[in-house]
Protein backbone atom coordinates (compact mmCIF):
# COMPACT_ATOMS: atom_id res chain seq x y z
CA THR A 1 0.00 0.00 0.00
CA SER A 2 1.03 3.65 -0.51
CA ASP A 3 0.13 7.18 0.56
CA VAL A 4 -0.82 9.76 -2.08
CA ASN A 5 -0.97 13.57 -1.83
CA ILE A 6 -2.98 15.53 -4.44
CA SER A 7 -2.91 19.32 -4.79
CA PHE A 8 -5.50 21.40 -6.63
CA GLY A 9 -6.94 24.89 -6.87
CA ALA A 10 -9.53 27.05 -8.68
CA ASP A 11 -9.42 30.34 -10.57
CA LEU A 12 -12.74 31.88 -9.59
CA ASP A 13 -13.74 35.50 -9.02
CA GLY A 14 -15.47 36.57 -5.83
CA GLY A 15 -17.05 34.55 -3.07
CA THR A 16 -15.67 31.83 -0.87
CA THR A 17 -14.66 28.70 -2.72
CA THR A 18 -14.54 25.25 -1.18
CA PHE A 19 -13.89 21.89 -2.77
CA GLU A 20 -15.39 18.43 -2.90
CA CYS A 21 -13.37 15.34 -3.81
CA LYS A 22 -14.01 11.74 -4.80
CA LEU A 23 -11.66 8.80 -5.35
CA ARG A 24 -12.67 5.64 -7.21
CA ALA A 25 -10.78 2.52 -8.20
CA LEU A 26 -10.69 1.68 -11.90
CA PRO A 27 -12.39 0.09 -13.69
CA ILE A 28 -15.47 1.74 -12.16
CA LEU A 29 -18.15 -0.79 -11.25
CA PRO A 30 -21.91 -0.09 -11.49
CA SER A 31 -22.11 -0.57 -7.72
CA ASP A 32 -19.56 2.19 -7.11
CA VAL A 33 -21.71 5.19 -6.15
CA ALA A 34 -19.23 6.88 -3.84
CA PRO A 35 -20.35 10.50 -3.23
CA PHE A 36 -18.24 13.66 -3.28
CA SER A 37 -17.09 14.87 0.13
CA GLU A 38 -15.61 18.16 1.30
CA CYS A 39 -11.83 18.36 1.03
CA THR A 40 -8.92 20.77 1.07
CA SER A 41 -5.69 21.01 -0.90
CA PRO A 42 -3.41 19.17 -0.60
CA HIS A 43 -5.63 16.15 -0.04
CA ARG A 44 -4.03 12.96 1.27
CA TYR A 45 -5.05 9.33 0.82
CA ILE A 46 -3.41 6.87 3.20
CA ALA A 47 -2.54 3.21 2.59
CA LEU A 48 -4.03 2.83 -0.88
CA ALA A 49 -3.85 -0.66 -2.33
CA ASP A 50 -1.96 -1.20 -5.57
CA GLY A 51 -4.06 -0.39 -8.61
CA LEU A 52 -5.43 2.30 -10.93
CA TYR A 53 -7.51 5.15 -9.52
CA GLU A 54 -9.52 8.16 -10.70
CA PHE A 55 -9.48 11.30 -8.55
CA SER A 56 -12.20 13.92 -9.11
CA VAL A 57 -12.47 17.40 -7.57
CA ARG A 58 -15.06 20.14 -8.02
CA ALA A 59 -15.38 23.69 -6.79
CA VAL A 60 -18.29 24.90 -4.66
CA GLN A 61 -19.41 28.51 -4.16
CA GLY A 62 -22.34 28.71 -1.81
CA PRO A 63 -25.19 26.65 -3.31
CA VAL A 64 -23.47 26.44 -6.72
CA ARG A 65 -21.46 23.35 -7.57
CA ASP A 66 -19.27 22.75 -10.59
CA PHE A 67 -20.89 19.88 -12.50
CA THR A 68 -17.80 19.36 -14.67
CA PRO A 69 -15.26 18.26 -12.06
CA ALA A 70 -11.57 17.99 -12.89
CA ARG A 71 -10.37 14.41 -13.11
CA VAL A 72 -6.99 12.71 -13.05
CA GLU A 73 -5.99 9.07 -13.19
CA PHE A 74 -3.00 7.66 -11.32
CA ARG A 75 -1.56 4.28 -10.46
CA VAL A 76 -0.34 3.03 -7.09
CA ASP A 77 2.36 0.38 -7.30
CA SER A 78 4.07 -0.42 -4.01
CA GLY A 79 6.77 -2.57 -5.58
CA THR A 80 7.57 -6.22 -6.14
CA PRO A 81 4.61 -8.57 -6.70
CA ARG A 82 4.49 -11.32 -4.09
CA VAL A 83 2.45 -14.51 -3.83
CA SER A 84 1.12 -16.30 -0.74
CA LEU A 85 -0.07 -19.91 -0.71
CA THR A 86 -3.46 -20.23 0.98
CA GLN A 87 -4.28 -23.92 0.48
CA MET A 88 -2.08 -26.93 -0.32
CA PRO A 89 -1.78 -30.67 0.41
CA GLY A 90 -0.61 -31.99 3.75
CA ALA A 91 2.85 -33.45 4.30
CA THR A 92 1.67 -36.88 3.06
CA THR A 93 -1.30 -37.62 0.81
CA ARG A 94 -2.71 -40.71 -0.86
CA SER A 95 -4.44 -38.63 -3.53
CA THR A 96 -2.79 -38.26 -6.93
CA SER A 97 -4.93 -35.25 -7.91
CA LEU A 98 -4.04 -32.08 -5.99
CA SER A 99 -4.73 -28.34 -6.13
CA PHE A 100 -2.82 -25.31 -4.90
CA HIS A 101 -4.55 -22.03 -4.05
CA PHE A 102 -2.71 -18.71 -3.91
CA VAL A 103 -3.20 -14.94 -3.72
CA SER A 104 -0.94 -11.97 -4.46
CA ASN A 105 -0.55 -8.30 -3.68
CA CYS A 106 -1.46 -7.41 -7.28
CA ALA A 107 -4.37 -4.97 -7.44
CA THR A 108 -6.23 -7.07 -10.02
CA GLU A 109 -5.80 -10.51 -11.55
CA GLN A 110 -5.29 -8.81 -14.92
CA GLN A 111 -2.31 -6.84 -13.59
CA CYS A 112 -0.20 -9.93 -12.88
CA VAL A 113 0.68 -13.11 -14.73
CA TYR A 114 1.48 -16.21 -12.66
CA PHE A 115 3.90 -19.02 -13.39
CA CYS A 116 3.47 -22.33 -11.53
CA GLU A 117 6.03 -25.10 -11.29
CA LEU A 118 5.93 -28.56 -9.75
CA ARG A 119 9.33 -30.08 -9.00
CA ASP A 120 10.63 -33.47 -7.98
CA ALA A 121 12.04 -32.83 -4.51
CA ILE A 122 14.71 -35.53 -4.91
CA THR A 123 16.13 -34.73 -8.35
CA GLY A 124 15.11 -31.08 -8.58
CA ASN A 125 13.72 -31.73 -12.07
CA THR A 126 10.62 -29.84 -13.22
CA VAL A 127 7.59 -32.14 -13.49
CA GLU A 128 5.40 -29.40 -14.95
CA GLY A 129 5.81 -25.66 -15.42
CA SER A 130 3.29 -23.31 -17.03
CA VAL A 131 1.42 -20.01 -16.82
CA CYS A 132 -1.42 -20.57 -14.35
CA THR A 133 -4.25 -19.18 -12.27
CA SER A 134 -5.50 -20.08 -8.80
CA PRO A 135 -6.35 -22.81 -8.02
CA LYS A 136 -3.69 -24.71 -9.93
CA PRO A 137 -4.61 -28.42 -10.30
CA TYR A 138 -2.30 -31.38 -10.88
CA LEU A 139 -3.83 -34.68 -12.00
CA LYS A 140 -2.59 -38.28 -11.85
CA LEU A 141 0.70 -37.63 -10.11
CA ASP A 142 3.12 -40.50 -9.63
CA GLU A 143 4.20 -41.46 -6.14
CA GLY A 144 7.10 -39.39 -4.95
CA GLN A 145 8.27 -36.28 -3.12
CA TYR A 146 7.40 -32.88 -4.56
CA ARG A 147 7.59 -29.15 -4.06
CA PHE A 148 5.30 -26.58 -5.68
CA ARG A 149 6.29 -22.99 -6.37
CA VAL A 150 4.60 -19.97 -7.94
CA GLN A 151 5.79 -16.59 -9.18
CA ALA A 152 3.94 -13.37 -10.08
CA THR A 153 5.02 -10.93 -12.78
CA ASP A 154 3.56 -7.41 -12.82
CA THR A 155 2.86 -6.71 -16.48
CA VAL A 156 2.41 -2.97 -15.94
CA ILE A 157 5.86 -2.06 -14.58
CA PRO A 158 6.99 -4.75 -15.68
CA LEU A 159 8.55 -6.46 -12.66
CA GLN A 160 9.06 -10.11 -11.81
CA GLY A 161 8.60 -11.21 -8.22
CA PRO A 162 10.32 -14.00 -6.28
CA PHE A 163 9.13 -17.59 -6.21
CA THR A 164 7.02 -18.71 -3.27
CA THR A 165 7.73 -22.39 -2.53
CA SER A 166 5.60 -24.91 -0.64
CA ASP A 167 6.86 -27.32 1.99
CA LEU A 168 7.85 -30.75 0.76
CA PHE A 169 4.90 -33.11 0.34
CA VAL A 170 4.76 -36.82 -0.43
CA VAL A 171 2.32 -38.70 -2.66
CA ASP A 172 2.19 -42.25 -1.27
CA ARG A 173 -0.34 -44.79 -2.51
CA SER A 174 1.10 -47.71 -0.51
CA PRO A 175 -1.40 -49.58 1.68
CA PRO A 176 -1.05 -48.93 5.41
CA VAL A 177 1.27 -51.33 7.25
CA VAL A 178 0.42 -52.65 10.73
CA ASN A 179 3.35 -53.36 13.03
CA VAL A 180 2.99 -55.58 16.12
CA THR A 181 4.78 -53.89 18.98
CA ARG A 182 3.95 -56.39 21.76
CA ALA A 183 3.17 -60.08 21.67
CA VAL A 184 1.28 -62.08 24.28
CA SER A 185 2.28 -65.68 24.99
CA PRO A 186 -0.33 -68.15 23.66
CA THR A 187 0.34 -70.43 26.67
CA ALA A 188 -0.39 -67.90 29.35
CA ILE A 189 -1.54 -69.52 32.60
CA ALA A 190 -4.20 -68.03 34.80
CA THR A 191 -4.07 -68.78 38.53
CA VAL A 192 -7.24 -68.45 40.63
CA HIS A 193 -7.09 -68.05 44.39
CA PHE A 194 -10.05 -68.85 46.63
CA SER A 195 -10.67 -67.81 50.17
CA SER A 196 -13.55 -68.27 52.58
CA THR A 197 -14.66 -67.48 56.03
CA ASP A 198 -15.90 -70.66 57.72
CA GLY A 199 -18.91 -70.46 59.98
CA PRO A 200 -19.57 -72.83 62.87
CA MET A 201 -20.40 -75.68 60.53
CA GLY A 202 -17.64 -74.86 57.99
CA SER A 203 -18.12 -74.17 54.32
CA GLY A 204 -16.64 -77.32 52.96
CA VAL A 205 -14.16 -75.30 50.84
CA ALA A 206 -10.51 -75.66 51.70
CA SER A 207 -8.47 -72.50 51.62
């Protein structure tokens, strides 16, 4: 994100002049009905996200407003495009069809192009590498150890960002193995002890 300062003025005769400003992200959506609000010059916008914007300003004298506001477009670009992985397989999976989800700091999906690569974690060889979008699926993977990585390139600057790499994950289709950790002797002997409290006549059970 970035801060932006915009200065403006008006060449009007007589009366007290004030200003009203409006900022909208481009492209403008039908749902964007942001109103003008009172402002002064210079006018500051704090922590704007990367992207293209349209700034509009109009002069106001008493009840009279300028219905042909001045407009200017500008772009905010805070620097290197970066990608974050939001969903990926666990450390070990039995599935051979996997998907990776990711997001970036690009203002719009059209601003950046993504390159995805799946690598064999043992040999370092590329299993598949291509331009991609999120989610990126991989189908019918062989068993093995893999790492996935993705890179964003800002097509406006242009500027290529660093790769973001997943943790190592393993595709293992082997059936589960049960290991016996303790054996019980099949000839175990049970010993039963009896006891009694004899009454005057005795119980007839020896202790």
